[in-house]
Amino acid sequence: MDKETQTFSAMHTPGAVLLISCYELGHRPMGLTRPLGALGAAGFFPNAIDIAVEPLDAEKVKRARFIGISVPMHTALRLGVHLLQRIRDLNPDVSICMYGLYAELNADYLLSHGVDFCIGGEASTQLVVLVQSLVEEKRLDRQRPRPIILKNGKLPSLEKYARFEDNGEVRTVGYTETTHGCKHLCTHCPIPPVYNGKFYPVQRETVLDEIQKQVAEGATHITFGDPDFLNGPMHGLRILRAMHDAFPNLTFDFTTKIEHILKNRKHFPEFAELGCRFVISAVESLSDRVLTILEKHHARADVETAIDIVHSVGVALRPTWVPFTPWTTLDDYLEILEFVDTHRLVYHVDPVQYAVRLLIPPSSYLLNRPEAKALFLTLDQTAFSYIWAHPDARMDELHKTVNALVQNDARTGVDTLETFYRIWKLAADMQGQAAPKQNKTTNLPAPRITEAWFC
């Protein structure tokens, strides 16, 4: 048996390829499911570990000849980097690849600190190409990917992940994505530097197969985790119709921009009929200046219109925020809190949202904005972000206080309404304003996924 045949046999041994996910918003990680399917379809027999819900299996690490670590977001990257030394101690000769948005954005650092390969977008296809190139000792031409049909059940049970909750109703959550990338260029988002305004639909058969497999495992609610589900509205709608035909009692949620809610308002009655329970939308701010810098392409009035569109069909809108930026004033922060209260959205916003601080990763489009250049930012490679301080020191102090309050209240099970008004009182006291009065009667519970921590 020649060396190439030996290498081929070794890499195709069960467990020779190991994929590790560090964190993906509390749902079953797409950074494992599709790469596992793609590698399985290519003749490999990969293992998987999701350290968000299970311990690192030392025997799996020792057995592996290639380890891919999924890092689609900042938190996952930090956790992944902490794993590197432990992996090297267990298996010094293994080839390590980090893949996902934050692998590409931080490739220079990672490649100089023990990572052998970095992959950005379209990770499933590129992982197969990479592993095959290691087998064949040459780079293969990339081919058009076939529909990925998942063959293995090596992922943790859906019961280990976050649940859907709504006024006493609890559902097991499955997860899929109908597209990759995004056609928008919001400056603070990590997707534009990788996809540059492009998005790619995932074949309908792939998405529906993923849904069917998860329903068979007990999923009764599906989260569509596309960066923007309405980048290709008809593609998504066709998938929803087929899903509803097959599973009429399945509910779902998706994420989309405020401007897409306005452009696609005619579809929302059908979304509701097909089982949509809530929609997430990145409002980020109500300040015209901040929205311009972030290039969100919506205004406060658009947010109010979007709320009316979504709520009028019995679906909940869950806005997300970036309330701490170098350009957000204390008045801006208070305006967000007043807006949430006025529009009866207290239970539609996870308290952690009021502590989100702008993250500026390497290659961020935000670095091209004159407002960012004026900050004279310094890259902290070990933190995978640029460091900034607010010109109003009170805002940095408020962030630290709110962040600590939110974490403590979440740990001790304080009701969202109580946390909200505690945050508002902190900000009001700092501005010298009277503390707001609690409005318990008009703020009713809203549907949510139980995992609220993310970045």
Protein backbone atom coordinates (compact mmCIF):
# COMPACT_ATOMS: atom_id res chain seq x y z
CA MET A 1 0.00 0.00 0.00
CA ASP A 2 1.59 3.29 -1.09
CA LYS A 3 1.70 6.45 1.04
CA GLU A 4 -1.20 8.15 -0.76
CA THR A 5 -3.46 5.11 -0.26
CA GLN A 6 -2.47 4.97 3.41
CA THR A 7 -3.34 8.66 3.82
CA PHE A 8 -6.64 8.15 2.03
CA SER A 9 -7.54 5.22 4.28
CA ALA A 10 -6.57 7.08 7.43
CA MET A 11 -8.55 10.23 6.67
CA HIS A 12 -11.63 8.18 5.76
CA THR A 13 -11.52 6.26 9.04
CA PRO A 14 -14.53 7.03 11.29
CA GLY A 15 -13.62 9.96 13.52
CA ALA A 16 -10.52 11.00 11.56
CA VAL A 17 -12.36 14.24 10.81
CA LEU A 18 -13.72 16.03 13.86
CA LEU A 19 -15.85 19.19 13.83
CA ILE A 20 -16.27 21.28 16.97
CA SER A 21 -18.85 24.00 17.57
CA CYS A 22 -18.26 26.45 20.40
CA TYR A 23 -21.48 28.47 20.52
CA GLU A 24 -24.38 29.32 18.20
CA LEU A 25 -27.06 31.30 20.00
CA GLY A 26 -28.43 28.34 21.94
CA HIS A 27 -29.67 26.39 18.91
CA ARG A 28 -28.28 23.29 17.25
CA PRO A 29 -25.27 24.67 15.35
CA MET A 30 -25.52 25.05 11.59
CA GLY A 31 -21.71 25.15 11.75
CA LEU A 32 -21.92 21.40 12.38
CA THR A 33 -25.03 20.15 10.63
CA ARG A 34 -24.28 21.12 7.04
CA PRO A 35 -20.53 20.44 7.11
CA LEU A 36 -21.23 17.01 8.61
CA GLY A 37 -23.65 16.29 5.79
CA ALA A 38 -21.28 17.54 3.13
CA LEU A 39 -18.35 15.53 4.47
CA GLY A 40 -20.55 12.45 4.81
CA ALA A 41 -21.70 12.83 1.20
CA ALA A 42 -18.03 13.03 0.16
CA GLY A 43 -17.26 9.67 1.77
CA PHE A 44 -15.87 10.78 5.14
CA PHE A 45 -17.16 9.71 8.56
CA PRO A 46 -16.79 12.79 10.76
CA ASN A 47 -17.36 13.10 14.47
CA ALA A 48 -18.80 16.21 16.12
CA ILE A 49 -18.71 17.96 19.49
CA ASP A 50 -20.79 20.94 20.55
CA ILE A 51 -19.03 22.30 23.62
CA ALA A 52 -21.96 24.61 24.30
CA VAL A 53 -23.95 21.61 25.55
CA GLU A 54 -21.39 18.81 26.06
CA PRO A 55 -17.81 18.46 27.30
CA LEU A 56 -14.82 18.22 25.01
CA ASP A 57 -14.31 14.51 24.37
CA ALA A 58 -10.58 13.88 24.70
CA GLU A 59 -10.76 10.52 22.92
CA LYS A 60 -12.42 12.09 19.87
CA VAL A 61 -9.69 14.75 19.79
CA LYS A 62 -6.90 12.16 20.05
CA ARG A 63 -8.44 10.05 17.26
CA ALA A 64 -8.76 12.97 14.82
CA ARG A 65 -6.36 13.77 12.00
CA PHE A 66 -8.23 16.92 11.02
CA ILE A 67 -10.20 19.19 13.37
CA GLY A 68 -12.46 21.98 12.18
CA ILE A 69 -13.62 24.54 14.73
CA SER A 70 -16.73 26.54 13.86
CA VAL A 71 -16.47 30.24 14.79
CA PRO A 72 -19.40 32.12 13.21
CA MET A 73 -19.43 34.83 15.89
CA HIS A 74 -17.22 36.66 18.36
CA THR A 75 -18.09 34.59 21.43
CA ALA A 76 -17.49 31.36 19.51
CA LEU A 77 -14.09 32.61 18.36
CA ARG A 78 -12.95 33.46 21.87
CA LEU A 79 -14.02 30.04 23.09
CA GLY A 80 -12.39 28.38 20.09
CA VAL A 81 -9.05 30.06 20.72
CA HIS A 82 -9.13 28.83 24.32
CA LEU A 83 -9.52 25.28 22.95
CA LEU A 84 -6.41 25.42 20.76
CA GLN A 85 -3.79 24.63 23.39
CA ARG A 86 -5.86 21.84 24.91
CA ILE A 87 -6.30 20.29 21.45
CA ARG A 88 -2.55 20.57 20.74
CA ASP A 89 -1.74 18.99 24.11
CA LEU A 90 -4.03 16.04 23.33
CA ASN A 91 -3.07 15.70 19.66
CA PRO A 92 0.07 17.66 18.68
CA ASP A 93 0.11 16.63 15.01
CA VAL A 94 -3.54 17.19 14.09
CA SER A 95 -4.38 19.71 11.36
CA ILE A 96 -6.63 22.46 12.74
CA CYS A 97 -8.95 24.64 10.67
CA MET A 98 -11.15 27.42 11.98
CA TYR A 99 -14.14 28.21 9.82
CA GLY A 100 -16.93 30.77 9.82
CA LEU A 101 -17.25 34.55 9.57
CA TYR A 102 -14.87 35.33 12.39
CA ALA A 103 -12.22 32.91 11.14
CA GLU A 104 -11.83 34.93 7.96
CA LEU A 105 -11.96 38.29 9.72
CA ASN A 106 -9.19 37.23 12.13
CA ALA A 107 -7.18 34.94 9.89
CA ASP A 108 -3.85 36.75 10.32
CA TYR A 109 -3.94 36.31 14.08
CA LEU A 110 -5.23 32.74 14.00
CA LEU A 111 -2.69 31.51 11.46
CA SER A 112 0.11 32.88 13.60
CA HIS A 113 -1.24 31.28 16.78
CA GLY A 114 -1.54 27.60 16.00
CA VAL A 115 -4.30 27.38 13.39
CA ASP A 116 -3.31 25.73 10.10
CA PHE A 117 -6.22 26.86 7.89
CA CYS A 118 -8.95 29.52 7.97
CA ILE A 119 -12.20 29.38 5.99
CA GLY A 120 -14.81 32.13 5.76
CA GLY A 121 -18.09 31.87 3.88
CA GLU A 122 -19.59 28.72 2.29
CA ALA A 123 -17.77 26.60 4.82
CA SER A 124 -19.38 23.25 3.97
CA THR A 125 -18.06 23.19 0.42
CA GLN A 126 -14.65 24.56 1.37
CA LEU A 127 -14.21 22.08 4.22
CA VAL A 128 -14.78 19.19 1.84
CA VAL A 129 -12.30 20.67 -0.62
CA LEU A 130 -9.76 21.19 2.14
CA VAL A 131 -10.05 17.71 3.61
CA GLN A 132 -9.91 16.13 0.16
CA SER A 133 -6.83 18.18 -0.69
CA LEU A 134 -5.15 16.88 2.46
CA VAL A 135 -5.98 13.35 1.32
CA GLU A 136 -4.90 13.79 -2.28
CA GLU A 137 -2.05 16.19 -1.55
CA LYS A 138 -3.30 18.62 -4.16
CA ARG A 139 -5.90 21.35 -4.38
CA LEU A 140 -9.15 20.21 -5.99
CA ASP A 141 -11.30 22.31 -8.26
CA ARG A 142 -14.48 23.43 -6.47
CA GLN A 143 -17.62 21.90 -7.91
CA ARG A 144 -21.23 23.01 -7.68
CA PRO A 145 -22.49 21.54 -4.39
CA ARG A 146 -25.23 18.92 -4.46
CA PRO A 147 -28.18 19.06 -2.06
CA ILE A 148 -26.86 18.02 1.33
CA ILE A 149 -28.81 15.17 2.91
CA LEU A 150 -27.73 14.64 6.51
CA LYS A 151 -26.73 11.03 7.12
CA ASN A 152 -25.55 10.98 10.69
CA GLY A 153 -27.17 11.46 14.06
CA LYS A 154 -24.03 12.40 15.95
CA LEU A 155 -25.25 15.77 17.15
CA PRO A 156 -26.62 16.33 20.65
CA SER A 157 -30.37 15.93 21.13
CA LEU A 158 -32.54 18.96 20.39
CA GLU A 159 -33.68 18.72 24.00
CA LYS A 160 -30.29 20.09 25.05
CA TYR A 161 -30.85 23.38 23.26
CA ALA A 162 -32.98 26.45 23.88
CA ARG A 163 -36.77 26.16 23.77
CA PHE A 164 -39.58 28.25 22.34
CA GLU A 165 -41.78 29.76 25.05
CA ASP A 166 -45.03 31.70 24.81
CA ASN A 167 -47.33 32.25 27.79
CA GLY A 168 -46.90 28.76 29.17
CA GLU A 169 -46.50 27.03 25.81
CA VAL A 170 -43.15 25.29 25.35
CA ARG A 171 -41.84 23.88 22.07
CA THR A 172 -38.69 22.04 21.04
CA VAL A 173 -36.72 24.13 18.55
CA GLY A 174 -35.06 23.07 15.32
CA TYR A 175 -32.84 25.33 13.23
CA THR A 176 -32.06 25.88 9.57
CA GLU A 177 -31.05 28.60 7.09
CA THR A 178 -32.47 29.21 3.62
CA THR A 179 -29.67 31.51 2.45
CA HIS A 180 -26.01 32.33 3.04
CA GLY A 181 -24.64 35.86 3.14
CA CYS A 182 -26.61 39.09 2.81
CA LYS A 183 -27.20 41.64 0.08
CA HIS A 184 -26.97 44.55 2.54
CA LEU A 185 -23.83 46.31 3.76
CA CYS A 186 -24.64 47.46 7.29
CA THR A 187 -21.27 48.77 8.44
CA HIS A 188 -21.20 47.15 11.89
CA CYS A 189 -22.15 43.67 10.65
CA PRO A 190 -19.45 40.98 10.23
CA ILE A 191 -21.14 39.54 7.12
CA PRO A 192 -20.34 42.26 4.50
CA PRO A 193 -16.53 41.90 4.71
CA VAL A 194 -16.92 38.19 3.93
CA TYR A 195 -19.80 38.20 1.42
CA ASN A 196 -19.48 41.75 0.03
CA GLY A 197 -23.20 42.25 -0.54
CA LYS A 198 -23.89 38.83 -2.03
CA PHE A 199 -26.23 36.14 -0.83
CA TYR A 200 -26.83 32.59 -2.02
CA PRO A 201 -30.04 30.57 -1.69
CA VAL A 202 -29.73 27.11 -0.17
CA GLN A 203 -31.44 24.44 -2.26
CA ARG A 204 -35.00 23.87 -1.14
CA GLU A 205 -34.48 20.11 -0.83
CA THR A 206 -31.61 20.68 1.60
CA VAL A 207 -33.64 22.98 3.85
CA LEU A 208 -36.75 20.79 3.83
CA ASP A 209 -34.68 17.69 4.56
CA GLU A 210 -33.10 19.42 7.56
CA ILE A 211 -36.54 20.40 8.82
CA GLN A 212 -37.93 16.89 8.31
CA LYS A 213 -35.01 15.32 10.20
CA GLN A 214 -35.46 17.69 13.13
CA VAL A 215 -39.24 17.19 13.24
CA ALA A 216 -38.55 13.45 13.46
CA GLU A 217 -36.37 14.22 16.48
CA GLY A 218 -39.18 16.14 18.15
CA ALA A 219 -38.90 19.71 16.85
CA THR A 220 -42.22 21.57 16.89
CA HIS A 221 -40.80 25.04 16.15
CA ILE A 222 -38.19 26.04 13.55
CA THR A 223 -35.89 29.04 13.76
CA PHE A 224 -34.80 30.31 10.35
CA GLY A 225 -31.44 31.79 11.19
CA ASP A 226 -30.63 33.51 7.90
CA PRO A 227 -28.90 36.88 8.38
CA ASP A 228 -32.01 38.14 6.57
CA PHE A 229 -34.78 35.69 5.67
CA LEU A 230 -36.31 38.17 3.22
CA ASN A 231 -33.19 38.70 1.12
CA GLY A 232 -34.97 36.35 -1.27
CA PRO A 233 -38.59 36.58 -0.11
CA MET A 234 -40.15 34.19 -2.64
CA HIS A 235 -37.49 31.56 -2.02
CA GLY A 236 -38.26 31.66 1.68
CA LEU A 237 -42.00 31.74 1.13
CA ARG A 238 -41.93 28.65 -1.08
CA ILE A 239 -40.03 26.78 1.62
CA LEU A 240 -42.53 27.90 4.24
CA ARG A 241 -45.46 26.72 2.12
CA ALA A 242 -43.87 23.32 1.57
CA MET A 243 -43.01 23.05 5.26
CA HIS A 244 -46.57 23.91 6.25
CA ASP A 245 -48.01 21.37 3.81
CA ALA A 246 -45.84 18.66 5.35
CA PHE A 247 -46.14 19.79 8.98
CA PRO A 248 -49.24 21.99 9.48
CA ASN A 249 -48.69 22.38 13.24
CA LEU A 250 -45.06 23.48 13.01
CA THR A 251 -44.42 27.07 14.09
CA PHE A 252 -41.42 29.21 13.17
CA ASP A 253 -39.57 32.51 13.54
CA PHE A 254 -37.20 34.41 11.28
CA THR A 255 -34.96 37.48 11.18
CA THR A 256 -35.26 40.35 8.71
CA LYS A 257 -34.48 44.04 8.29
CA ILE A 258 -37.01 46.76 9.08
CA GLU A 259 -36.94 47.90 5.45
CA HIS A 260 -37.79 44.35 4.31
CA ILE A 261 -40.81 44.25 6.59
CA LEU A 262 -42.08 47.40 4.88
CA LYS A 263 -41.28 46.14 1.37
CA ASN A 264 -42.89 42.75 1.98
CA ARG A 265 -45.85 43.78 4.09
CA LYS A 266 -48.25 41.98 1.75
CA HIS A 267 -46.73 38.62 2.74
CA PHE A 268 -47.17 38.97 6.50
CA PRO A 269 -50.77 37.71 6.65
CA GLU A 270 -49.57 34.54 4.92
CA PHE A 271 -46.54 34.26 7.22
CA ALA A 272 -48.97 34.28 10.13
CA GLU A 273 -51.20 31.65 8.52
CA LEU A 274 -48.18 29.42 7.90
CA GLY A 275 -47.24 29.47 11.59
CA CYS A 276 -44.95 32.46 12.17
CA ARG A 277 -44.89 33.35 15.87
CA PHE A 278 -42.31 36.13 15.97
CA VAL A 279 -39.90 38.10 13.81
CA ILE A 280 -36.53 39.46 14.94
CA SER A 281 -35.34 42.73 13.43
CA ALA A 282 -32.11 44.61 14.13
CA VAL A 283 -33.39 48.10 14.89
CA GLU A 284 -30.07 48.94 16.63
CA SER A 285 -30.88 52.60 17.38
CA LEU A 286 -33.46 55.37 17.02
CA SER A 287 -30.82 58.06 16.50
CA ASP A 288 -30.66 59.33 12.92
CA ARG A 289 -26.92 59.89 13.30
CA VAL A 290 -26.19 56.39 14.55
CA LEU A 291 -28.47 54.78 11.96
CA THR A 292 -26.66 56.71 9.22
CA ILE A 293 -23.24 55.61 10.45
CA LEU A 294 -24.39 52.00 10.64
CA GLU A 295 -26.08 52.37 7.22
CA LYS A 296 -29.26 50.67 8.41
CA HIS A 297 -31.50 52.46 5.87
CA HIS A 298 -34.44 52.91 8.19
CA ALA A 299 -35.71 55.65 10.48
CA ARG A 300 -37.71 55.71 13.70
CA ALA A 301 -40.99 56.10 11.79
CA ASP A 302 -40.14 52.96 9.77
CA VAL A 303 -39.71 51.00 13.00
CA GLU A 304 -43.14 52.09 14.17
CA THR A 305 -44.65 51.09 10.82
CA ALA A 306 -42.92 47.69 10.97
CA ILE A 307 -44.34 47.07 14.45
CA ASP A 308 -47.83 47.83 13.15
CA ILE A 309 -47.39 45.51 10.14
CA VAL A 310 -46.16 42.57 12.17
CA HIS A 311 -48.45 42.96 15.16
CA SER A 312 -51.56 43.51 13.03
CA VAL A 313 -51.41 39.86 11.89
CA GLY A 314 -50.89 38.45 15.36
CA VAL A 315 -47.13 37.97 15.05
CA ALA A 316 -44.69 39.51 17.56
CA LEU A 317 -41.82 41.77 16.54
CA ARG A 318 -38.70 41.35 18.68
CA PRO A 319 -36.36 44.30 18.05
CA THR A 320 -32.66 44.01 18.81
CA TRP A 321 -30.43 46.94 19.73
CA VAL A 322 -26.86 48.19 19.82
CA PRO A 323 -27.43 50.88 22.46
CA PHE A 324 -23.76 51.55 23.23
CA THR A 325 -21.77 53.06 20.36
CA PRO A 326 -19.25 55.92 20.37
CA TRP A 327 -22.00 58.14 18.94
CA THR A 328 -24.96 57.17 21.13
CA THR A 329 -25.81 59.83 23.70
CA LEU A 330 -27.42 59.30 27.08
CA ASP A 331 -30.57 60.90 25.66
CA ASP A 332 -30.48 58.38 22.80
CA TYR A 333 -30.27 55.54 25.31
CA LEU A 334 -33.20 56.87 27.29
CA GLU A 335 -35.17 57.28 24.07
CA ILE A 336 -34.80 53.55 23.35
CA LEU A 337 -36.16 52.68 26.79
CA GLU A 338 -39.08 55.09 26.42
CA PHE A 339 -39.82 53.72 22.95
CA VAL A 340 -39.89 50.13 24.21
CA ASP A 341 -42.21 51.09 27.05
CA THR A 342 -44.51 53.23 24.91
CA HIS A 343 -44.92 50.50 22.30
CA ARG A 344 -45.47 47.80 24.95
CA LEU A 345 -42.37 45.90 23.91
CA VAL A 346 -40.79 45.22 27.30
CA TYR A 347 -41.28 41.45 27.02
CA HIS A 348 -40.31 41.55 23.33
CA VAL A 349 -36.72 42.56 24.19
CA ASP A 350 -34.32 40.38 26.14
CA PRO A 351 -32.66 42.56 28.81
CA VAL A 352 -29.18 41.70 27.50
CA GLN A 353 -30.04 43.90 24.51
CA TYR A 354 -29.74 47.00 26.69
CA ALA A 355 -26.12 46.09 27.44
CA VAL A 356 -24.89 45.42 23.88
CA ARG A 357 -21.76 47.41 23.07
CA LEU A 358 -20.62 47.97 19.50
CA LEU A 359 -18.06 45.40 18.39
CA ILE A 360 -15.72 46.44 15.59
CA PRO A 361 -13.88 43.37 14.22
CA PRO A 362 -10.94 43.46 11.80
CA SER A 363 -11.99 44.36 8.22
CA SER A 364 -15.25 45.86 9.48
CA TYR A 365 -16.91 48.16 6.94
CA LEU A 366 -17.36 50.58 9.81
CA LEU A 367 -13.64 51.36 9.57
CA ASN A 368 -14.33 53.10 6.25
CA ARG A 369 -16.71 55.61 7.82
CA PRO A 370 -15.20 59.05 8.60
CA GLU A 371 -16.88 58.96 12.00
CA ALA A 372 -14.93 55.81 12.88
CA LYS A 373 -11.65 57.15 11.48
CA ALA A 374 -12.00 60.13 13.79
CA LEU A 375 -11.87 57.79 16.77
CA PHE A 376 -8.25 56.70 16.07
CA LEU A 377 -9.11 53.09 16.86
CA THR A 378 -6.56 50.53 18.02
CA LEU A 379 -6.89 46.86 17.15
CA ASP A 380 -6.63 44.47 20.09
CA GLN A 381 -5.82 41.23 18.26
CA THR A 382 -6.32 39.11 21.35
CA ALA A 383 -9.84 40.53 21.79
CA PHE A 384 -10.52 40.27 18.02
CA SER A 385 -11.87 43.82 17.92
CA TYR A 386 -10.93 47.47 17.86
CA ILE A 387 -10.93 49.26 21.20
CA TRP A 388 -12.97 52.41 21.63
CA ALA A 389 -13.98 54.66 24.50
CA HIS A 390 -17.06 56.85 24.58
CA PRO A 391 -16.40 60.62 24.57
CA ASP A 392 -18.95 60.87 27.40
CA ALA A 393 -17.42 58.81 30.22
CA ARG A 394 -20.86 58.36 31.74
CA MET A 395 -21.84 56.07 28.86
CA ASP A 396 -18.96 53.65 29.52
CA GLU A 397 -19.86 53.71 33.21
CA LEU A 398 -23.51 53.06 32.36
CA HIS A 399 -22.56 50.15 30.14
CA LYS A 400 -20.57 48.46 32.88
CA THR A 401 -23.38 48.96 35.40
CA VAL A 402 -26.14 47.78 33.07
CA ASN A 403 -24.10 44.78 31.96
CA ALA A 404 -23.55 43.69 35.56
CA LEU A 405 -27.22 44.25 36.43
CA VAL A 406 -28.45 42.23 33.46
CA GLN A 407 -26.14 39.31 34.19
CA ASN A 408 -27.08 39.23 37.87
CA ASP A 409 -30.82 39.48 37.17
CA ALA A 410 -30.62 36.69 34.60
CA ARG A 411 -28.69 34.49 37.01
CA THR A 412 -31.20 35.06 39.84
CA GLY A 413 -34.32 34.80 37.66
CA VAL A 414 -35.57 38.37 37.97
CA ASP A 415 -38.57 39.11 35.76
CA THR A 416 -37.80 40.96 32.51
CA LEU A 417 -40.13 43.82 33.47
CA GLU A 418 -38.32 44.40 36.76
CA THR A 419 -34.93 44.37 35.04
CA PHE A 420 -36.16 46.80 32.39
CA TYR A 421 -37.25 49.41 34.92
CA ARG A 422 -34.07 48.99 36.95
CA ILE A 423 -32.07 49.77 33.82
CA TRP A 424 -34.27 52.75 33.03
CA LYS A 425 -33.84 54.08 36.59
CA LEU A 426 -30.04 53.81 36.29
CA ALA A 427 -30.02 55.83 33.07
CA ALA A 428 -32.58 58.35 34.35
CA ASP A 429 -30.63 58.92 37.57
CA MET A 430 -27.47 59.51 35.57
CA GLN A 431 -29.29 62.14 33.49
CA GLY A 432 -30.91 63.70 36.55
CA GLN A 433 -34.41 62.69 35.50
CA ALA A 434 -37.23 61.31 37.61
CA ALA A 435 -37.45 57.53 37.77
CA PRO A 436 -40.07 56.09 35.41
CA LYS A 437 -43.26 54.51 36.72
CA GLN A 438 -43.67 50.81 36.12
CA ASN A 439 -46.34 49.88 33.61
CA LYS A 440 -47.24 46.27 34.40
CA THR A 441 -50.72 46.11 32.93
CA THR A 442 -49.95 46.90 29.28
CA ASN A 443 -46.78 44.82 28.90
CA LEU A 444 -47.85 41.24 28.23
CA PRO A 445 -45.55 38.21 27.75
CA ALA A 446 -44.32 37.68 24.20
CA PRO A 447 -43.06 34.58 22.36
CA ARG A 448 -39.33 34.02 22.62
CA ILE A 449 -36.47 31.56 22.40
CA THR A 450 -35.03 30.92 25.85
CA GLU A 451 -31.41 31.59 24.85
CA ALA A 452 -30.91 35.37 25.03
CA TRP A 453 -27.13 35.73 25.24
CA PHE A 454 -25.30 36.28 22.03
CA CYS A 455 -22.66 38.25 20.19
